[in-house]
Amino acid sequence: MNRLRRALRWLWAALLSATGARWSAKRRLRKQRAIIVLAFHRVLDDTDFRRTHSLTGMLVRRRTFEELVSYVARRFEVVDLSRIKPGQESDRLRVAFTFDDGWLDNHTAAFPILRAFGIPMTIFVCPGLLGQGMPFWPERVAASFRAARPAAREEEIEAVINGLKPHTAAEREEMMASLPARGQSMADEPDKTVSWAQIAEMNRAGVTFGSHTQTHQVLTAVSETAAREEIRESKVAIECALNKRCDLFAYPNGDHSCETRRLLAEAGFALAFTTERGAWTTACDPLAIPRPNISDDDVVGPLGRFSPAMFEYTVFWKAVRAAHGER
């Protein structure tokens, strides 16, 4: 995001704060006894932030995350998704932290920060892609594209990735075979997923784990048979590894339908989360719970540091707007 656009968004967020609109949005959500479920992907230090092949919409800088967590811990009630639902009385607006994909930095960066503040977290993992380097195809596409065109803008890479999303996994692999090989060695690769041993460690510390399918297939883009297997295999793998029920699910890419919700219900999932903006209230379908994605650009001000005004604008103001069908 260019600096001018960031500055304009921050000014708008500051204006909402000055007029009391942000406070009004939080009050409305609290009166609804809502829970705001935050979706993160990656928390990276400055070095890995520059080296990663993940798109910036998935990234939060470590210093930003530390300041965000500190702010939320002081101002809101942070809850464990496995133990609470909307509709319960609370003196403060409730917030939950979730992470998608199971990146290694969930363990090395996000987990220690949240644990230091006594904050629960939920991680949605793909059992078939754990303990691997560059396991997700968008990062492989970005790495190959940058190998061919080092000066390529992220918008160009994102357009290529979006163009591949509608294709099946087999079609994507065939199309990606023509891309140039990436130059970075796997030993130096920052784009790795967490291992089962690290999951076990976090599980013992109270972290909740849910399913993100077995291999991150977008359920609405595959056959019903394939979708059912992605759901079933992931649930079985997590339950066998952790010796406990896996009741929580997050849709890859946030995409869901009546059919996918039916498959989740048949598999025994109690809750499933999208990436739509909004708040989790008693009126929500438990298998289509809103969950806004948070990136660094969503929560920093003009100088690139965490901004409470931007955070509350992105999360609470937009949640209320979403309830009225507004962007």
Protein backbone atom coordinates (compact mmCIF):
# COMPACT_ATOMS: atom_id res chain seq x y z
CA MET A 1 0.00 0.00 0.00
CA ASN A 2 1.44 3.41 -0.90
CA ARG A 3 2.03 5.94 1.84
CA LEU A 4 -0.61 8.39 0.63
CA ARG A 5 -3.36 5.77 0.73
CA ARG A 6 -2.23 4.62 4.16
CA ALA A 7 -2.25 8.20 5.44
CA LEU A 8 -5.74 8.83 4.08
CA ARG A 9 -7.09 5.67 5.70
CA TRP A 10 -5.50 6.63 9.00
CA LEU A 11 -7.03 10.12 8.82
CA TRP A 12 -10.45 8.57 8.20
CA ALA A 13 -9.98 6.21 11.15
CA ALA A 14 -8.88 9.12 13.34
CA LEU A 15 -11.96 11.10 12.29
CA LEU A 16 -14.22 8.19 13.24
CA SER A 17 -12.54 8.14 16.63
CA ALA A 18 -12.94 11.89 17.12
CA THR A 19 -16.65 11.76 16.30
CA GLY A 20 -17.29 8.82 18.62
CA ALA A 21 -18.26 6.48 15.76
CA ARG A 22 -15.67 3.87 16.74
CA TRP A 23 -16.85 3.90 20.33
CA SER A 24 -20.44 3.54 19.14
CA ALA A 25 -19.50 0.54 16.98
CA LYS A 26 -17.82 -1.21 19.91
CA ARG A 27 -20.78 -0.46 22.17
CA ARG A 28 -23.20 -1.91 19.64
CA LEU A 29 -21.15 -5.09 19.31
CA ARG A 30 -20.89 -5.49 23.06
CA LYS A 31 -24.66 -5.04 23.46
CA GLN A 32 -25.10 -7.79 20.87
CA ARG A 33 -22.85 -9.96 23.09
CA ALA A 34 -20.75 -10.59 20.01
CA ILE A 35 -17.32 -12.13 19.66
CA ILE A 36 -14.86 -10.68 17.16
CA VAL A 37 -12.77 -13.54 15.76
CA LEU A 38 -9.50 -12.29 14.25
CA ALA A 39 -7.83 -14.27 11.46
CA PHE A 40 -4.05 -14.09 11.11
CA HIS A 41 -1.69 -16.12 8.97
CA ARG A 42 1.91 -15.13 9.63
CA VAL A 43 3.93 -13.09 12.14
CA LEU A 44 7.43 -12.32 10.84
CA ASP A 45 10.44 -10.31 11.92
CA ASP A 46 11.72 -7.66 9.52
CA THR A 47 14.24 -9.98 7.85
CA ASP A 48 11.74 -12.74 7.05
CA PHE A 49 9.10 -10.15 6.15
CA ARG A 50 11.39 -9.15 3.27
CA ARG A 51 12.33 -12.73 2.35
CA THR A 52 8.97 -14.46 2.41
CA HIS A 53 7.08 -15.31 -0.76
CA SER A 54 3.71 -15.00 0.97
CA LEU A 55 1.61 -12.06 -0.23
CA THR A 56 1.50 -9.07 2.12
CA GLY A 57 -2.20 -9.61 2.83
CA MET A 58 -1.11 -12.61 4.93
CA LEU A 59 1.66 -10.87 6.86
CA VAL A 60 1.98 -9.01 10.15
CA ARG A 61 5.33 -7.72 11.38
CA ARG A 62 6.40 -9.07 14.74
CA ARG A 63 6.66 -5.62 16.33
CA THR A 64 3.17 -4.75 15.05
CA PHE A 65 1.77 -7.98 16.47
CA GLU A 66 3.38 -7.40 19.87
CA GLU A 67 1.84 -3.94 20.11
CA LEU A 68 -1.53 -5.19 18.86
CA VAL A 69 -1.62 -8.01 21.41
CA SER A 70 -0.64 -5.65 24.23
CA TYR A 71 -3.42 -3.24 23.23
CA VAL A 72 -6.07 -5.96 22.95
CA ALA A 73 -5.05 -7.52 26.28
CA ARG A 74 -5.56 -4.17 28.04
CA ARG A 75 -8.83 -3.14 26.40
CA PHE A 76 -10.81 -6.30 25.60
CA GLU A 77 -11.69 -9.73 26.93
CA VAL A 78 -9.77 -12.34 24.93
CA VAL A 79 -11.56 -15.69 24.79
CA ASP A 80 -10.88 -19.31 23.85
CA LEU A 81 -13.06 -20.41 20.91
CA SER A 82 -13.25 -23.95 22.25
CA ARG A 83 -14.88 -22.78 25.48
CA ILE A 84 -17.20 -19.88 24.69
CA LYS A 85 -19.94 -18.77 22.31
CA PRO A 86 -21.69 -15.44 21.67
CA GLY A 87 -24.70 -14.36 23.69
CA GLN A 88 -23.05 -14.37 27.10
CA GLU A 89 -22.85 -11.24 29.26
CA SER A 90 -19.49 -9.46 29.42
CA ASP A 91 -18.27 -6.11 30.70
CA ARG A 92 -15.88 -5.84 27.77
CA LEU A 93 -16.11 -6.64 24.07
CA ARG A 94 -14.74 -10.12 23.43
CA VAL A 95 -12.03 -10.96 20.90
CA ALA A 96 -10.45 -14.26 19.80
CA PHE A 97 -7.14 -14.92 18.03
CA THR A 98 -6.94 -17.52 15.24
CA PHE A 99 -4.27 -18.47 12.70
CA ASP A 100 -4.61 -20.24 9.38
CA ASP A 101 -2.32 -22.73 7.59
CA GLY A 102 0.02 -23.70 10.43
CA TRP A 103 3.10 -21.72 9.49
CA LEU A 104 6.28 -22.26 11.49
CA ASP A 105 6.20 -18.67 12.71
CA ASN A 106 2.92 -19.44 14.50
CA HIS A 107 5.14 -21.45 16.87
CA THR A 108 8.30 -19.33 16.88
CA ALA A 109 6.75 -15.85 16.94
CA ALA A 110 2.99 -15.65 17.60
CA PHE A 111 2.78 -18.37 20.27
CA PRO A 112 5.44 -16.89 22.63
CA ILE A 113 3.91 -13.42 22.39
CA LEU A 114 0.38 -14.59 23.12
CA ARG A 115 1.55 -16.90 25.90
CA ALA A 116 3.39 -14.01 27.57
CA PHE A 117 0.07 -12.15 27.80
CA GLY A 118 -1.90 -15.24 28.83
CA ILE A 119 -3.96 -15.08 25.65
CA PRO A 120 -5.49 -18.25 24.10
CA MET A 121 -5.06 -18.99 20.42
CA THR A 122 -6.51 -21.36 17.84
CA ILE A 123 -4.48 -22.63 14.87
CA PHE A 124 -6.14 -24.22 11.84
CA VAL A 125 -3.71 -26.67 10.22
CA CYS A 126 -3.52 -28.84 7.11
CA PRO A 127 -2.14 -32.20 8.39
CA GLY A 128 -0.95 -33.25 4.93
CA LEU A 129 1.30 -30.18 4.62
CA LEU A 130 2.93 -30.04 8.05
CA GLY A 131 6.69 -29.94 8.55
CA GLN A 132 7.38 -28.89 4.96
CA GLY A 133 9.14 -26.06 3.17
CA MET A 134 7.11 -24.07 0.63
CA PRO A 135 4.07 -26.39 0.98
CA PHE A 136 1.45 -24.03 -0.47
CA TRP A 137 1.29 -23.40 -4.19
CA PRO A 138 0.87 -19.56 -4.07
CA GLU A 139 4.30 -19.17 -2.46
CA ARG A 140 5.81 -21.47 -5.09
CA VAL A 141 4.25 -19.38 -7.84
CA ALA A 142 5.51 -16.15 -6.28
CA ALA A 143 9.02 -17.56 -5.86
CA SER A 144 9.14 -18.74 -9.47
CA PHE A 145 7.71 -15.48 -10.80
CA ARG A 146 10.27 -13.44 -8.87
CA ALA A 147 13.07 -15.69 -10.12
CA ALA A 148 12.08 -14.75 -13.67
CA ARG A 149 11.27 -11.11 -12.93
CA PRO A 150 13.02 -9.84 -9.78
CA ALA A 151 11.43 -6.40 -10.13
CA ALA A 152 7.88 -7.73 -10.46
CA ARG A 153 5.27 -5.86 -8.42
CA GLU A 154 3.12 -7.77 -5.96
CA GLU A 155 -0.01 -6.80 -7.88
CA GLU A 156 1.30 -8.72 -10.91
CA ILE A 157 2.08 -11.80 -8.83
CA GLU A 158 -1.29 -11.65 -7.11
CA ALA A 159 -3.02 -11.49 -10.49
CA VAL A 160 -1.22 -14.66 -11.60
CA ILE A 161 -2.18 -16.43 -8.36
CA ASN A 162 -5.81 -15.35 -8.65
CA GLY A 163 -5.85 -16.61 -12.22
CA LEU A 164 -4.77 -20.06 -11.05
CA LYS A 165 -7.27 -20.35 -8.18
CA PRO A 166 -10.24 -21.56 -10.27
CA HIS A 167 -8.22 -24.49 -11.66
CA THR A 168 -7.97 -27.94 -10.13
CA ALA A 169 -4.82 -28.94 -8.27
CA ALA A 170 -3.70 -31.12 -11.19
CA GLU A 171 -4.26 -28.29 -13.68
CA ARG A 172 -2.34 -25.85 -11.50
CA GLU A 173 0.63 -28.19 -11.14
CA GLU A 174 0.76 -28.65 -14.91
CA MET A 175 0.66 -24.90 -15.49
CA MET A 176 3.23 -24.24 -12.77
CA ALA A 177 5.66 -26.73 -14.33
CA SER A 178 6.45 -24.16 -17.00
CA LEU A 179 7.50 -21.53 -14.46
CA PRO A 180 11.25 -20.99 -13.84
CA ALA A 181 12.85 -22.71 -10.88
CA ARG A 182 13.29 -20.56 -7.77
CA GLY A 183 16.83 -19.74 -6.73
CA GLN A 184 16.51 -19.76 -2.95
CA SER A 185 17.69 -22.92 -1.22
CA MET A 186 15.19 -24.76 0.94
CA ALA A 187 17.59 -24.59 3.90
CA ASP A 188 17.19 -20.81 3.97
CA GLU A 189 13.49 -20.85 3.20
CA PRO A 190 11.33 -18.86 5.66
CA ASP A 191 8.10 -20.30 4.25
CA LYS A 192 7.83 -23.50 6.30
CA THR A 193 5.02 -25.13 8.23
CA VAL A 194 5.02 -26.23 11.85
CA SER A 195 5.84 -29.84 12.74
CA TRP A 196 3.72 -32.35 14.66
CA ALA A 197 6.23 -32.13 17.54
CA GLN A 198 5.73 -28.37 17.74
CA ILE A 199 1.96 -28.83 17.57
CA ALA A 200 2.18 -31.29 20.47
CA GLU A 201 4.19 -28.75 22.48
CA MET A 202 1.64 -26.00 21.88
CA ASN A 203 -1.24 -28.38 22.57
CA ARG A 204 0.23 -29.13 25.99
CA ALA A 205 0.38 -25.37 26.63
CA GLY A 206 -3.33 -25.00 25.89
CA VAL A 207 -3.38 -23.99 22.21
CA THR A 208 -6.48 -25.21 20.35
CA PHE A 209 -6.09 -26.84 16.93
CA GLY A 210 -8.68 -27.03 14.21
CA SER A 211 -8.84 -28.30 10.65
CA HIS A 212 -8.04 -26.28 7.52
CA THR A 213 -8.61 -29.38 5.30
CA GLN A 214 -5.97 -32.04 4.69
CA THR A 215 -4.05 -30.28 1.88
CA HIS A 216 -5.62 -26.79 1.69
CA GLN A 217 -8.04 -27.57 -1.10
CA VAL A 218 -10.71 -24.92 -1.71
CA LEU A 219 -13.78 -27.03 -0.98
CA THR A 220 -16.06 -25.23 -3.42
CA ALA A 221 -13.62 -25.91 -6.28
CA VAL A 222 -13.33 -29.71 -5.91
CA SER A 223 -15.78 -32.59 -6.23
CA GLU A 224 -18.01 -33.56 -3.33
CA THR A 225 -16.03 -36.77 -2.92
CA ALA A 226 -12.73 -34.90 -2.78
CA ALA A 227 -14.14 -32.33 -0.36
CA ARG A 228 -15.47 -35.04 1.93
CA GLU A 229 -12.07 -36.76 2.00
CA GLU A 230 -10.21 -33.48 2.68
CA ILE A 231 -12.51 -32.85 5.64
CA ARG A 232 -12.51 -36.41 7.01
CA GLU A 233 -8.78 -37.06 6.66
CA SER A 234 -7.81 -33.83 8.37
CA LYS A 235 -10.16 -34.43 11.30
CA VAL A 236 -8.92 -37.98 11.81
CA ALA A 237 -5.25 -36.92 11.61
CA ILE A 238 -5.62 -34.14 14.19
CA GLU A 239 -7.69 -36.25 16.59
CA CYS A 240 -5.26 -39.18 16.39
CA ALA A 241 -2.21 -36.97 16.91
CA LEU A 242 -3.62 -35.00 19.85
CA ASN A 243 -5.94 -37.66 21.30
CA LYS A 244 -8.85 -35.23 21.55
CA ARG A 245 -11.83 -34.15 19.48
CA CYS A 246 -11.35 -31.69 16.64
CA ASP A 247 -14.56 -29.64 16.40
CA LEU A 248 -13.33 -26.43 14.73
CA PHE A 249 -12.81 -25.78 11.03
CA ALA A 250 -11.65 -22.85 8.87
CA TYR A 251 -12.40 -22.72 5.14
CA PRO A 252 -9.36 -22.38 2.85
CA ASN A 253 -9.67 -19.07 1.02
CA GLY A 254 -12.83 -18.53 3.09
CA ASP A 255 -14.95 -20.18 0.39
CA HIS A 256 -17.99 -22.16 1.50
CA SER A 257 -21.41 -23.21 0.29
CA CYS A 258 -24.52 -25.06 1.45
CA GLU A 259 -22.89 -28.29 0.29
CA THR A 260 -19.61 -27.73 2.14
CA ARG A 261 -21.47 -26.79 5.32
CA ARG A 262 -23.49 -29.99 5.03
CA LEU A 263 -20.29 -32.03 4.68
CA LEU A 264 -18.82 -30.40 7.78
CA ALA A 265 -21.98 -31.11 9.77
CA GLU A 266 -21.91 -34.75 8.66
CA ALA A 267 -18.26 -35.01 9.74
CA GLY A 268 -19.10 -33.73 13.21
CA PHE A 269 -17.65 -30.22 13.16
CA ALA A 270 -19.38 -27.83 15.56
CA LEU A 271 -18.02 -24.50 14.29
CA ALA A 272 -16.57 -23.32 10.98
CA PHE A 273 -15.04 -19.95 10.17
CA THR A 274 -14.97 -17.88 6.99
CA THR A 275 -12.80 -14.86 6.12
CA GLU A 276 -15.76 -12.50 5.79
CA ARG A 277 -15.81 -9.31 7.79
CA GLY A 278 -18.29 -9.21 10.60
CA ALA A 279 -18.96 -10.33 14.15
CA TRP A 280 -19.92 -13.69 15.56
CA THR A 281 -23.37 -13.28 17.09
CA THR A 282 -26.15 -15.64 18.09
CA ALA A 283 -27.74 -14.98 14.69
CA CYS A 284 -24.79 -16.49 12.80
CA ASP A 285 -24.79 -19.89 11.17
CA PRO A 286 -22.29 -21.83 13.36
CA LEU A 287 -20.75 -23.26 10.18
CA ALA A 288 -20.29 -19.83 8.54
CA ILE A 289 -18.88 -17.58 11.26
CA PRO A 290 -17.40 -14.23 10.10
CA ARG A 291 -13.71 -13.75 10.78
CA PRO A 292 -11.87 -10.71 9.36
CA ASN A 293 -8.37 -11.30 8.04
CA ILE A 294 -5.71 -9.04 9.60
CA SER A 295 -2.56 -7.94 7.78
CA ASP A 296 0.07 -5.38 8.73
CA ASP A 297 -1.45 -2.77 6.40
CA ASP A 298 -4.79 -3.14 8.17
CA VAL A 299 -3.50 -2.04 11.57
CA VAL A 300 -0.60 0.40 11.09
CA GLY A 301 -0.57 4.17 10.71
CA PRO A 302 1.30 6.45 8.28
CA LEU A 303 4.66 5.75 9.95
CA GLY A 304 4.25 1.98 9.77
CA ARG A 305 3.65 1.39 13.49
CA PHE A 306 0.64 -0.19 15.15
CA SER A 307 -2.30 2.21 15.29
CA PRO A 308 -5.23 1.57 17.68
CA ALA A 309 -7.38 3.78 15.45
CA MET A 310 -6.62 1.65 12.38
CA PHE A 311 -7.13 -1.60 14.29
CA GLU A 312 -10.53 -0.58 15.62
CA TYR A 313 -11.58 0.87 12.26
CA THR A 314 -10.61 -2.32 10.43
CA VAL A 315 -12.13 -4.69 12.96
CA PHE A 316 -15.04 -3.10 14.82
CA TRP A 317 -16.27 -0.33 12.53
CA LYS A 318 -16.18 -2.62 9.51
CA ALA A 319 -17.90 -5.41 11.45
CA VAL A 320 -20.86 -3.14 12.12
CA ARG A 321 -20.88 -1.96 8.51
CA ALA A 322 -20.85 -5.56 7.31
CA ALA A 323 -23.95 -6.29 9.38
CA HIS A 324 -25.75 -3.65 7.32
CA GLY A 325 -24.43 -4.99 4.01
CA GLU A 326 -21.96 -2.12 3.62
CA ARG A 327 -18.27 -2.31 2.81
